[in-house]
C-alpha cells in the first residue's frame, strides 16, 4: 500500500494494489474508489483531503490529547 498527497490539488490517494483501473465509483462526497476488472478496490481518492481527512484527524488528536492531559492531572 502507498499513500500520496498532492497539496496543490488537495487530493489524498491511497494505492492498495498496482494494476489497471477498470471502474471508478464515488462512494461518498469527495471519496472515490477505483476498481480492477474483478471488482477489487485498487485505489482510494479523497478530494479536499485537507478538510475531509487531515483537519478532522488533527481535531481528533487535539481532543484526545486534552482528555489525556486532564486524566494525567487528576
PDB file of N, CA and C in Angstrom:
ATOM      1  N   UNK A   1       0.845  -1.162   0.000  1.00  0.00           N
ATOM      2  CA  UNK A   1       0.000   0.000   0.000  1.00  0.00           C
ATOM      3  C   UNK A   1       0.899   1.236   0.000  1.00  0.00           C
ATOM      4  N   UNK A   2       0.481   2.237  -0.765  1.00  0.00           N
ATOM      5  CA  UNK A   2       1.201   3.506  -0.835  1.00  0.00           C
ATOM      6  C   UNK A   2       0.198   4.637  -0.631  1.00  0.00           C
ATOM      7  N   UNK A   3       0.658   5.690   0.032  1.00  0.00           N
ATOM      8  CA  UNK A   3      -0.187   6.857   0.254  1.00  0.00           C
ATOM      9  C   UNK A   3       0.534   8.072  -0.310  1.00  0.00           C
ATOM     10  N   UNK A   4      -0.192   8.841  -1.110  1.00  0.00           N
ATOM     11  CA  UNK A   4       0.365  10.065  -1.686  1.00  0.00           C
ATOM     12  C   UNK A   4      -0.598  11.217  -1.423  1.00  0.00           C
ATOM     13  N   UNK A   5      -0.025  12.382  -1.202  1.00  0.00           N
ATOM     14  CA  UNK A   5      -0.848  13.580  -1.014  1.00  0.00           C
ATOM     15  C   UNK A   5      -0.352  14.668  -1.950  1.00  0.00           C
ATOM     16  N   UNK A   6      -1.266  15.233  -2.708  1.00  0.00           N
ATOM     17  CA  UNK A   6      -0.961  16.344  -3.605  1.00  0.00           C
ATOM     18  C   UNK A   6      -1.522  17.615  -2.968  1.00  0.00           C
ATOM     19  N   UNK A   7      -0.657  18.416  -2.318  1.00  0.00           N
ATOM     20  CA  UNK A   7      -1.161  19.603  -1.631  1.00  0.00           C
ATOM     21  C   UNK A   7      -1.745  20.656  -2.572  1.00  0.00           C
ATOM     22  N   UNK A   8      -1.254  20.704  -3.785  1.00  0.00           N
ATOM     23  CA  UNK A   8      -1.763  21.688  -4.749  1.00  0.00           C
ATOM     24  C   UNK A   8      -3.218  21.375  -5.121  1.00  0.00           C
ATOM     25  N   UNK A   9      -3.508  20.106  -5.371  1.00  0.00           N
ATOM     26  CA  UNK A   9      -4.863  19.681  -5.715  1.00  0.00           C
ATOM     27  C   UNK A   9      -5.675  19.318  -4.471  1.00  0.00           C
ATOM     28  N   UNK A  10      -4.999  19.171  -3.322  1.00  0.00           N
ATOM     29  CA  UNK A  10      -5.605  18.752  -2.053  1.00  0.00           C
ATOM     30  C   UNK A  10      -6.303  17.398  -2.202  1.00  0.00           C
ATOM     31  N   UNK A  11      -5.556  16.461  -2.811  1.00  0.00           N
ATOM     32  CA  UNK A  11      -6.078  15.107  -3.009  1.00  0.00           C
ATOM     33  C   UNK A  11      -5.160  14.109  -2.320  1.00  0.00           C
ATOM     34  N   UNK A  12      -5.761  13.246  -1.507  1.00  0.00           N
ATOM     35  CA  UNK A  12      -5.052  12.148  -0.862  1.00  0.00           C
ATOM     36  C   UNK A  12      -5.361  10.890  -1.656  1.00  0.00           C
ATOM     37  N   UNK A  13      -4.322  10.163  -2.070  1.00  0.00           N
ATOM     38  CA  UNK A  13      -4.521   8.947  -2.853  1.00  0.00           C
ATOM     39  C   UNK A  13      -3.907   7.769  -2.116  1.00  0.00           C
ATOM     40  N   UNK A  14      -4.696   6.729  -1.937  1.00  0.00           N
ATOM     41  CA  UNK A  14      -4.229   5.503  -1.295  1.00  0.00           C
ATOM     42  C   UNK A  14      -4.228   4.410  -2.354  1.00  0.00           C
ATOM     43  N   UNK A  15      -3.039   3.960  -2.705  1.00  0.00           N
ATOM     44  CA  UNK A  15      -2.891   2.880  -3.676  1.00  0.00           C
ATOM     45  C   UNK A  15      -2.860   1.569  -2.906  1.00  0.00           C
ATOM     46  N   UNK A  16      -3.849   0.744  -3.121  1.00  0.00           N
ATOM     47  CA  UNK A  16      -3.941  -0.524  -2.399  1.00  0.00           C
ATOM     48  C   UNK A  16      -3.177  -1.619  -3.118  1.00  0.00           C
ATOM     49  N   UNK A  17      -3.307  -1.646  -4.438  1.00  0.00           N
ATOM     50  CA  UNK A  17      -2.541  -2.611  -5.232  1.00  0.00           C
ATOM     51  C   UNK A  17      -2.314  -2.058  -6.625  1.00  0.00           C
ATOM     52  N   UNK A  18      -1.185  -2.410  -7.191  1.00  0.00           N
ATOM     53  CA  UNK A  18      -0.836  -1.974  -8.547  1.00  0.00           C
ATOM     54  C   UNK A  18      -1.734  -2.676  -9.556  1.00  0.00           C
ATOM     55  N   UNK A  19      -2.019  -2.000 -10.630  1.00  0.00           N
ATOM     56  CA  UNK A  19      -2.790  -2.610 -11.702  1.00  0.00           C
ATOM     57  C   UNK A  19      -3.707  -1.601 -12.354  1.00  0.00           C
ATOM     58  N   UNK A  20      -4.257  -1.985 -13.493  1.00  0.00           N
ATOM     59  CA  UNK A  20      -5.130  -1.068 -14.218  1.00  0.00           C
ATOM     60  C   UNK A  20      -6.465  -0.860 -13.505  1.00  0.00           C
ATOM     61  N   UNK A  21      -6.995   0.335 -13.650  1.00  0.00           N
ATOM     62  CA  UNK A  21      -8.296   0.674 -13.078  1.00  0.00           C
ATOM     63  C   UNK A  21      -9.355   0.455 -14.148  1.00  0.00           C
ATOM     64  N   UNK A  22     -10.362  -0.357 -13.825  1.00  0.00           N
ATOM     65  CA  UNK A  22     -11.427  -0.649 -14.778  1.00  0.00           C
ATOM     66  C   UNK A  22     -12.672   0.197 -14.527  1.00  0.00           C
ATOM     67  N   UNK A  23     -12.856   0.636 -13.273  1.00  0.00           N
ATOM     68  CA  UNK A  23     -14.059   1.395 -12.941  1.00  0.00           C
ATOM     69  C   UNK A  23     -13.775   2.287 -11.734  1.00  0.00           C
ATOM     70  N   UNK A  24     -14.513   3.360 -11.641  1.00  0.00           N
ATOM     71  CA  UNK A  24     -14.398   4.298 -10.526  1.00  0.00           C
ATOM     72  C   UNK A  24     -15.800   4.626 -10.040  1.00  0.00           C
ATOM     73  N   UNK A  25     -15.950   4.722  -8.715  1.00  0.00           N
ATOM     74  CA  UNK A  25     -17.261   4.982  -8.137  1.00  0.00           C
ATOM     75  C   UNK A  25     -17.128   5.985  -6.995  1.00  0.00           C
ATOM     76  N   UNK A  26     -17.984   7.013  -7.001  1.00  0.00           N
ATOM     77  CA  UNK A  26     -18.000   7.959  -5.887  1.00  0.00           C
ATOM     78  C   UNK A  26     -18.819   7.323  -4.767  1.00  0.00           C
ATOM     79  N   UNK A  27     -18.153   6.935  -3.675  1.00  0.00           N
ATOM     80  CA  UNK A  27     -18.827   6.229  -2.585  1.00  0.00           C
ATOM     81  C   UNK A  27     -19.337   7.179  -1.511  1.00  0.00           C
ATOM     82  N   UNK A  28     -18.818   8.378  -1.492  1.00  0.00           N
ATOM     83  CA  UNK A  28     -19.248   9.415  -0.564  1.00  0.00           C
ATOM     84  C   UNK A  28     -18.810  10.745  -1.163  1.00  0.00           C
ATOM     85  N   UNK A  29     -19.309  11.826  -0.628  1.00  0.00           N
ATOM     86  CA  UNK A  29     -18.895  13.121  -1.148  1.00  0.00           C
ATOM     87  C   UNK A  29     -17.380  13.251  -1.033  1.00  0.00           C
ATOM     88  N   UNK A  30     -16.722  13.482  -2.141  1.00  0.00           N
ATOM     89  CA  UNK A  30     -15.266  13.662  -2.226  1.00  0.00           C
ATOM     90  C   UNK A  30     -14.461  12.384  -1.993  1.00  0.00           C
ATOM     91  N   UNK A  31     -15.102  11.222  -2.014  1.00  0.00           N
ATOM     92  CA  UNK A  31     -14.381   9.951  -1.836  1.00  0.00           C
ATOM     93  C   UNK A  31     -14.700   9.045  -3.020  1.00  0.00           C
ATOM     94  N   UNK A  32     -13.635   8.635  -3.719  1.00  0.00           N
ATOM     95  CA  UNK A  32     -13.771   7.808  -4.916  1.00  0.00           C
ATOM     96  C   UNK A  32     -13.005   6.511  -4.730  1.00  0.00           C
ATOM     97  N   UNK A  33     -13.638   5.384  -5.059  1.00  0.00           N
ATOM     98  CA  UNK A  33     -12.970   4.084  -5.067  1.00  0.00           C
ATOM     99  C   UNK A  33     -12.678   3.715  -6.514  1.00  0.00           C
ATOM    100  N   UNK A  34     -11.507   3.134  -6.726  1.00  0.00           N
ATOM    101  CA  UNK A  34     -11.122   2.635  -8.045  1.00  0.00           C
ATOM    102  C   UNK A  34     -11.070   1.112  -7.974  1.00  0.00           C
ATOM    103  N   UNK A  35     -11.630   0.459  -8.989  1.00  0.00           N
ATOM    104  CA  UNK A  35     -11.736  -0.999  -9.005  1.00  0.00           C
ATOM    105  C   UNK A  35     -10.995  -1.590 -10.197  1.00  0.00           C
ATOM    106  N   UNK A  36     -10.502  -2.818 -10.011  1.00  0.00           N
ATOM    107  CA  UNK A  36      -9.916  -3.543 -11.135  1.00  0.00           C
ATOM    108  C   UNK A  36     -11.017  -4.310 -11.862  1.00  0.00           C
ATOM    109  N   UNK A  37     -10.636  -5.111 -12.846  1.00  0.00           N
ATOM    110  CA  UNK A  37     -11.615  -5.858 -13.658  1.00  0.00           C
ATOM    111  C   UNK A  37     -12.443  -6.846 -12.842  1.00  0.00           C
ATOM    112  N   UNK A  38     -11.877  -7.352 -11.733  1.00  0.00           N
ATOM    113  CA  UNK A  38     -12.584  -8.320 -10.891  1.00  0.00           C
ATOM    114  C   UNK A  38     -13.447  -7.646  -9.824  1.00  0.00           C
ATOM    115  N   UNK A  39     -13.421  -6.325  -9.773  1.00  0.00           N
ATOM    116  CA  UNK A  39     -14.217  -5.600  -8.791  1.00  0.00           C
ATOM    117  C   UNK A  39     -13.513  -5.350  -7.468  1.00  0.00           C
ATOM    118  N   UNK A  40     -12.203  -5.639  -7.413  1.00  0.00           N
ATOM    119  CA  UNK A  40     -11.429  -5.382  -6.204  1.00  0.00           C
ATOM    120  C   UNK A  40     -11.018  -3.914  -6.152  1.00  0.00           C
ATOM    121  N   UNK A  41     -11.044  -3.335  -4.956  1.00  0.00           N
ATOM    122  CA  UNK A  41     -10.608  -1.950  -4.794  1.00  0.00           C
ATOM    123  C   UNK A  41      -9.095  -1.900  -4.961  1.00  0.00           C
ATOM    124  N   UNK A  42      -8.633  -1.057  -5.879  1.00  0.00           N
ATOM    125  CA  UNK A  42      -7.190  -0.904  -6.103  1.00  0.00           C
ATOM    126  C   UNK A  42      -6.686   0.458  -5.640  1.00  0.00           C
ATOM    127  N   UNK A  43      -7.603   1.412  -5.464  1.00  0.00           N
ATOM    128  CA  UNK A  43      -7.192   2.733  -5.017  1.00  0.00           C
ATOM    129  C   UNK A  43      -8.350   3.509  -4.426  1.00  0.00           C
ATOM    130  N   UNK A  44      -8.001   4.453  -3.562  1.00  0.00           N
ATOM    131  CA  UNK A  44      -8.992   5.340  -2.956  1.00  0.00           C
ATOM    132  C   UNK A  44      -8.484   6.763  -3.116  1.00  0.00           C
ATOM    133  N   UNK A  45      -9.343   7.619  -3.643  1.00  0.00           N
ATOM    134  CA  UNK A  45      -9.006   9.023  -3.842  1.00  0.00           C
ATOM    135  C   UNK A  45      -9.909   9.863  -2.948  1.00  0.00           C
ATOM    136  N   UNK A  46      -9.308  10.741  -2.159  1.00  0.00           N
ATOM    137  CA  UNK A  46     -10.079  11.609  -1.278  1.00  0.00           C
ATOM    138  C   UNK A  46      -9.797  13.051  -1.676  1.00  0.00           C
ATOM    139  N   UNK A  47     -10.816  13.705  -2.203  1.00  0.00           N
ATOM    140  CA  UNK A  47     -10.691  15.091  -2.623  1.00  0.00           C
ATOM    141  C   UNK A  47     -10.906  15.999  -1.414  1.00  0.00           C
ATOM    142  N   UNK A  48     -10.360  17.197  -1.479  1.00  0.00           N
ATOM    143  CA  UNK A  48     -10.449  18.141  -0.359  1.00  0.00           C
ATOM    144  C   UNK A  48      -9.952  17.489   0.922  1.00  0.00           C
ATOM    145  N   UNK A  49      -8.848  16.786   0.803  1.00  0.00           N
ATOM    146  CA  UNK A  49      -8.311  15.998   1.917  1.00  0.00           C
ATOM    147  C   UNK A  49      -7.947  16.861   3.113  1.00  0.00           C
ATOM    148  N   UNK A  50      -7.526  18.089   2.867  1.00  0.00           N
ATOM    149  CA  UNK A  50      -7.180  18.976   3.970  1.00  0.00           C
ATOM    150  C   UNK A  50      -8.347  19.158   4.920  1.00  0.00           C
ATOM    151  N   UNK A  51      -9.533  19.287   4.381  1.00  0.00           N
ATOM    152  CA  UNK A  51     -10.734  19.461   5.194  1.00  0.00           C
ATOM    153  C   UNK A  51     -11.321  18.118   5.608  1.00  0.00           C
ATOM    154  N   UNK A  52     -11.391  17.177   4.689  1.00  0.00           N
ATOM    155  CA  UNK A  52     -12.078  15.914   4.940  1.00  0.00           C
ATOM    156  C   UNK A  52     -11.300  14.918   5.782  1.00  0.00           C
ATOM    157  N   UNK A  53      -9.985  14.971   5.742  1.00  0.00           N
ATOM    158  CA  UNK A  53      -9.193  13.971   6.461  1.00  0.00           C
ATOM    159  C   UNK A  53      -8.231  14.622   7.434  1.00  0.00           C
ATOM    160  N   UNK A  54      -7.378  15.455   6.917  1.00  0.00           N
ATOM    161  CA  UNK A  54      -6.285  15.994   7.722  1.00  0.00           C
ATOM    162  C   UNK A  54      -6.823  16.860   8.858  1.00  0.00           C
ATOM    163  N   UNK A  55      -7.697  17.790   8.561  1.00  0.00           N
ATOM    164  CA  UNK A  55      -8.239  18.676   9.594  1.00  0.00           C
ATOM    165  C   UNK A  55      -9.012  17.885  10.637  1.00  0.00           C
ATOM    166  N   UNK A  56      -9.858  16.957  10.198  1.00  0.00           N
ATOM    167  CA  UNK A  56     -10.635  16.143  11.139  1.00  0.00           C
ATOM    168  C   UNK A  56      -9.722  15.292  12.011  1.00  0.00           C
ATOM    169  N   UNK A  57      -8.677  14.749  11.424  1.00  0.00           N
ATOM    170  CA  UNK A  57      -7.727  13.942  12.196  1.00  0.00           C
ATOM    171  C   UNK A  57      -7.025  14.789  13.241  1.00  0.00           C
ATOM    172  N   UNK A  58      -6.620  15.989  12.866  1.00  0.00           N
ATOM    173  CA  UNK A  58      -5.959  16.882  13.819  1.00  0.00           C
ATOM    174  C   UNK A  58      -6.900  17.271  14.955  1.00  0.00           C
ATOM    175  N   UNK A  59      -8.170  17.501  14.653  1.00  0.00           N
ATOM    176  CA  UNK A  59      -9.137  17.820  15.697  1.00  0.00           C
ATOM    177  C   UNK A  59      -9.324  16.645  16.650  1.00  0.00           C
ATOM    178  N   UNK A  60      -9.350  15.424  16.127  1.00  0.00           N
ATOM    179  CA  UNK A  60      -9.459  14.234  16.973  1.00  0.00           C
ATOM    180  C   UNK A  60      -8.228  14.077  17.856  1.00  0.00           C
ATOM    181  N   UNK A  61      -7.062  14.312  17.293  1.00  0.00           N
ATOM    182  CA  UNK A  61      -5.821  14.219  18.070  1.00  0.00           C
ATOM    183  C   UNK A  61      -5.832  15.268  19.176  1.00  0.00           C
ATOM    184  N   UNK A  62      -6.264  16.472  18.854  1.00  0.00           N
ATOM    185  CA  UNK A  62      -6.336  17.537  19.857  1.00  0.00           C
ATOM    186  C   UNK A  62      -7.305  17.155  20.979  1.00  0.00           C
ATOM    187  N   UNK A  63      -8.456  16.621  20.619  1.00  0.00           N
ATOM    188  CA  UNK A  63      -9.447  16.204  21.616  1.00  0.00           C
ATOM    189  C   UNK A  63      -8.896  15.094  22.505  1.00  0.00           C
ATOM    190  N   UNK A  64      -8.251  14.122  21.902  1.00  0.00           N
ATOM    191  CA  UNK A  64      -7.664  13.009  22.649  1.00  0.00           C
ATOM    192  C   UNK A  64      -6.566  13.515  23.583  1.00  0.00           C
ATOM    193  N   UNK A  65      -5.731  14.416  23.093  1.00  0.00           N
ATOM    194  CA  UNK A  65      -4.630  14.952  23.894  1.00  0.00           C
ATOM    195  C   UNK A  65      -5.162  15.722  25.100  1.00  0.00           C
ATOM    196  N   UNK A  66      -6.201  16.529  24.895  1.00  0.00           N
ATOM    197  CA  UNK A  66      -6.796  17.269  26.010  1.00  0.00           C
ATOM    198  C   UNK A  66      -7.368  16.313  27.051  1.00  0.00           C
ATOM    199  N   UNK A  67      -8.055  15.274  26.604  1.00  0.00           N
ATOM    200  CA  UNK A  67      -8.620  14.292  27.532  1.00  0.00           C
ATOM    201  C   UNK A  67      -7.514  13.572  28.288  1.00  0.00           C
ATOM    202  N   UNK A  68      -6.456  13.228  27.607  1.00  0.00           N
ATOM    203  CA  UNK A  68      -5.327  12.549  28.240  1.00  0.00           C
ATOM    204  C   UNK A  68      -4.665  13.460  29.268  1.00  0.00           C
ATOM    205  N   UNK A  69      -4.500  14.730  28.926  1.00  0.00           N
ATOM    206  CA  UNK A  69      -3.907  15.689  29.865  1.00  0.00           C
ATOM    207  C   UNK A  69      -4.771  15.849  31.112  1.00  0.00           C
ATOM    208  N   UNK A  70      -6.096  15.919  30.940  1.00  0.00           N
ATOM    209  CA  UNK A  70      -6.992  16.025  32.098  1.00  0.00           C
ATOM    210  C   UNK A  70      -6.871  14.794  32.984  1.00  0.00           C
ATOM    211  N   UNK A  71      -6.766  13.634  32.361  1.00  0.00           N
ATOM    212  CA  UNK A  71      -6.647  12.380  33.115  1.00  0.00           C
ATOM    213  C   UNK A  71      -5.339  12.361  33.900  1.00  0.00           C
ATOM    214  N   UNK A  72      -4.261  12.839  33.287  1.00  0.00           N
ATOM    215  CA  UNK A  72      -2.959  12.834  33.944  1.00  0.00           C
ATOM    216  C   UNK A  72      -2.911  13.850  35.089  1.00  0.00           C
ATOM    217  N   UNK A  73      -3.680  14.942  34.974  1.00  0.00           N
ATOM    218  CA  UNK A  73      -3.704  15.963  36.014  1.00  0.00           C
ATOM    219  C   UNK A  73      -4.542  15.535  37.212  1.00  0.00           C
ATOM    220  N   UNK A  74      -5.443  14.595  37.016  1.00  0.00           N
ATOM    221  CA  UNK A  74      -6.346  14.156  38.100  1.00  0.00           C
ATOM    222  C   UNK A  74      -5.647  13.275  39.111  1.00  0.00           C
TER     223      UNK A  74
END
